Amino acid sequence: MRFFTDLHRNRIISEEFPEEWRHCLKTKFRAYNLLPDADKHKLEDDLRIFMEEKTWEGCG
């Protein structure tokens, strides 16, 4: 099962990180600008995986 999870995650992170998301990180999450480039890429990869794998429901 781990093989398919890794395959799915690799597909997710192979796509370009949305520029709108990067803009939000730069302006709303000020610590992002202090991170080294390698950590920025790791955060972006983790964020894409998180957004893809979680179920989102509106409320109200």
N, C-alpha and C. Protein backbone atom coordinates (compact mmCIF):
# COMPACT_ATOMS: atom_id res chain seq x y z
N MET A 1 0.83 -1.20 0.00
CA MET A 1 0.00 0.00 0.00
C MET A 1 0.87 1.26 0.00
N ARG A 2 1.98 1.20 0.67
CA ARG A 2 2.88 2.35 0.74
C ARG A 2 3.35 2.76 -0.66
N PHE A 3 3.56 1.78 -1.53
CA PHE A 3 4.00 2.05 -2.90
C PHE A 3 3.01 2.99 -3.61
N PHE A 4 1.71 2.71 -3.48
CA PHE A 4 0.70 3.52 -4.14
C PHE A 4 0.60 4.92 -3.53
N THR A 5 0.78 5.00 -2.22
CA THR A 5 0.79 6.31 -1.55
C THR A 5 1.95 7.14 -2.06
N ASP A 6 3.13 6.55 -2.12
CA ASP A 6 4.30 7.27 -2.62
C ASP A 6 4.13 7.68 -4.08
N LEU A 7 3.56 6.79 -4.88
CA LEU A 7 3.33 7.09 -6.28
C LEU A 7 2.37 8.28 -6.43
N HIS A 8 1.31 8.26 -5.65
CA HIS A 8 0.33 9.34 -5.68
C HIS A 8 0.96 10.66 -5.23
N ARG A 9 1.73 10.63 -4.17
CA ARG A 9 2.37 11.85 -3.66
C ARG A 9 3.41 12.38 -4.64
N ASN A 10 4.14 11.50 -5.29
CA ASN A 10 5.11 11.95 -6.29
C ASN A 10 4.43 12.64 -7.46
N ARG A 11 3.26 12.15 -7.83
CA ARG A 11 2.49 12.80 -8.90
C ARG A 11 2.07 14.20 -8.47
N ILE A 12 1.64 14.32 -7.21
CA ILE A 12 1.19 15.62 -6.69
C ILE A 12 2.34 16.63 -6.72
N ILE A 13 3.49 16.24 -6.21
CA ILE A 13 4.59 17.21 -6.10
C ILE A 13 5.32 17.43 -7.42
N SER A 14 5.03 16.62 -8.42
CA SER A 14 5.66 16.85 -9.73
C SER A 14 5.01 18.03 -10.45
N GLU A 15 3.83 18.42 -10.01
CA GLU A 15 3.15 19.56 -10.62
C GLU A 15 3.74 20.86 -10.07
N GLU A 16 3.62 21.91 -10.85
CA GLU A 16 4.13 23.22 -10.45
C GLU A 16 3.34 23.75 -9.25
N PHE A 17 4.04 24.33 -8.29
CA PHE A 17 3.37 24.92 -7.13
C PHE A 17 2.62 26.17 -7.60
N PRO A 18 1.34 26.29 -7.24
CA PRO A 18 0.56 27.45 -7.71
C PRO A 18 1.15 28.78 -7.23
N GLU A 19 1.33 29.69 -8.16
CA GLU A 19 1.92 30.99 -7.82
C GLU A 19 1.05 31.77 -6.84
N GLU A 20 -0.28 31.59 -6.92
CA GLU A 20 -1.18 32.27 -5.97
C GLU A 20 -0.92 31.80 -4.55
N TRP A 21 -0.65 30.51 -4.40
CA TRP A 21 -0.36 29.96 -3.08
C TRP A 21 0.96 30.52 -2.56
N ARG A 22 1.96 30.60 -3.44
CA ARG A 22 3.27 31.12 -3.04
C ARG A 22 3.13 32.58 -2.60
N HIS A 23 2.32 33.33 -3.32
CA HIS A 23 2.09 34.73 -2.95
C HIS A 23 1.48 34.81 -1.55
N CYS A 24 0.50 33.94 -1.27
CA CYS A 24 -0.11 33.91 0.07
C CYS A 24 0.91 33.57 1.13
N LEU A 25 1.76 32.60 0.85
CA LEU A 25 2.79 32.24 1.82
C LEU A 25 3.72 33.43 2.09
N LYS A 26 4.11 34.11 1.03
CA LYS A 26 5.03 35.24 1.18
C LYS A 26 4.41 36.41 1.94
N THR A 27 3.11 36.63 1.76
CA THR A 27 2.49 37.80 2.37
C THR A 27 1.78 37.51 3.69
N LYS A 28 1.28 36.31 3.88
CA LYS A 28 0.50 35.98 5.09
C LYS A 28 1.30 35.18 6.11
N PHE A 29 2.33 34.50 5.67
CA PHE A 29 3.14 33.65 6.54
C PHE A 29 4.57 34.16 6.46
N ARG A 30 4.85 35.19 7.22
CA ARG A 30 6.12 35.91 7.09
C ARG A 30 7.35 35.05 7.34
N ALA A 31 7.21 34.01 8.13
CA ALA A 31 8.36 33.14 8.39
C ALA A 31 8.81 32.43 7.11
N TYR A 32 7.91 32.30 6.14
CA TYR A 32 8.25 31.67 4.87
C TYR A 32 9.44 32.37 4.22
N ASN A 33 9.46 33.68 4.28
CA ASN A 33 10.54 34.44 3.65
C ASN A 33 11.89 34.24 4.33
N LEU A 34 11.88 33.75 5.55
CA LEU A 34 13.13 33.54 6.28
C LEU A 34 13.70 32.15 6.07
N LEU A 35 12.91 31.26 5.47
CA LEU A 35 13.35 29.88 5.28
C LEU A 35 14.38 29.77 4.15
N PRO A 36 15.32 28.85 4.29
CA PRO A 36 16.21 28.56 3.16
C PRO A 36 15.39 27.95 2.02
N ASP A 37 15.89 28.04 0.80
CA ASP A 37 15.15 27.55 -0.36
C ASP A 37 14.74 26.09 -0.23
N ALA A 38 15.61 25.25 0.30
CA ALA A 38 15.28 23.82 0.44
C ALA A 38 14.07 23.63 1.36
N ASP A 39 14.01 24.41 2.43
CA ASP A 39 12.87 24.31 3.35
C ASP A 39 11.59 24.87 2.74
N LYS A 40 11.73 25.91 1.92
CA LYS A 40 10.56 26.44 1.22
C LYS A 40 9.97 25.38 0.30
N HIS A 41 10.82 24.68 -0.44
CA HIS A 41 10.35 23.63 -1.34
C HIS A 41 9.70 22.49 -0.56
N LYS A 42 10.28 22.13 0.56
CA LYS A 42 9.71 21.06 1.39
C LYS A 42 8.33 21.47 1.91
N LEU A 43 8.21 22.70 2.38
CA LEU A 43 6.92 23.21 2.85
C LEU A 43 5.89 23.21 1.73
N GLU A 44 6.30 23.66 0.55
CA GLU A 44 5.38 23.68 -0.59
C GLU A 44 4.92 22.27 -0.96
N ASP A 45 5.85 21.32 -0.97
CA ASP A 45 5.49 19.92 -1.26
C ASP A 45 4.52 19.38 -0.22
N ASP A 46 4.84 19.61 1.05
CA ASP A 46 3.97 19.12 2.13
C ASP A 46 2.58 19.77 2.06
N LEU A 47 2.54 21.04 1.73
CA LEU A 47 1.26 21.75 1.63
C LEU A 47 0.40 21.17 0.50
N ARG A 48 1.02 20.91 -0.65
CA ARG A 48 0.27 20.32 -1.76
C ARG A 48 -0.28 18.95 -1.41
N ILE A 49 0.52 18.13 -0.74
CA ILE A 49 0.07 16.80 -0.33
C ILE A 49 -1.06 16.91 0.68
N PHE A 50 -0.90 17.79 1.66
CA PHE A 50 -1.94 18.00 2.66
C PHE A 50 -3.25 18.41 2.02
N MET A 51 -3.20 19.40 1.12
CA MET A 51 -4.41 19.89 0.47
C MET A 51 -5.09 18.82 -0.38
N GLU A 52 -4.30 17.97 -1.00
CA GLU A 52 -4.84 16.93 -1.87
C GLU A 52 -5.45 15.78 -1.08
N GLU A 53 -4.84 15.42 0.05
CA GLU A 53 -5.24 14.20 0.76
C GLU A 53 -6.32 14.42 1.82
N LYS A 54 -6.59 15.64 2.18
CA LYS A 54 -7.61 15.91 3.19
C LYS A 54 -8.96 16.14 2.55
N THR A 55 -10.00 15.79 3.26
CA THR A 55 -11.35 16.03 2.80
C THR A 55 -11.80 17.37 3.36
N TRP A 56 -12.30 18.24 2.48
CA TRP A 56 -12.70 19.59 2.87
C TRP A 56 -14.21 19.70 2.74
N GLU A 57 -14.83 20.21 3.80
CA GLU A 57 -16.28 20.41 3.81
C GLU A 57 -16.57 21.84 4.25
N GLY A 58 -17.47 22.46 3.53
CA GLY A 58 -17.88 23.80 3.93
C GLY A 58 -18.86 23.71 5.11
N CYS A 59 -18.95 24.75 5.86
CA CYS A 59 -19.92 24.78 6.96
C CYS A 59 -20.73 26.07 6.85
N GLY A 60 -21.94 25.94 7.30
CA GLY A 60 -22.78 27.13 7.29
C GLY A 60 -23.99 26.99 6.41
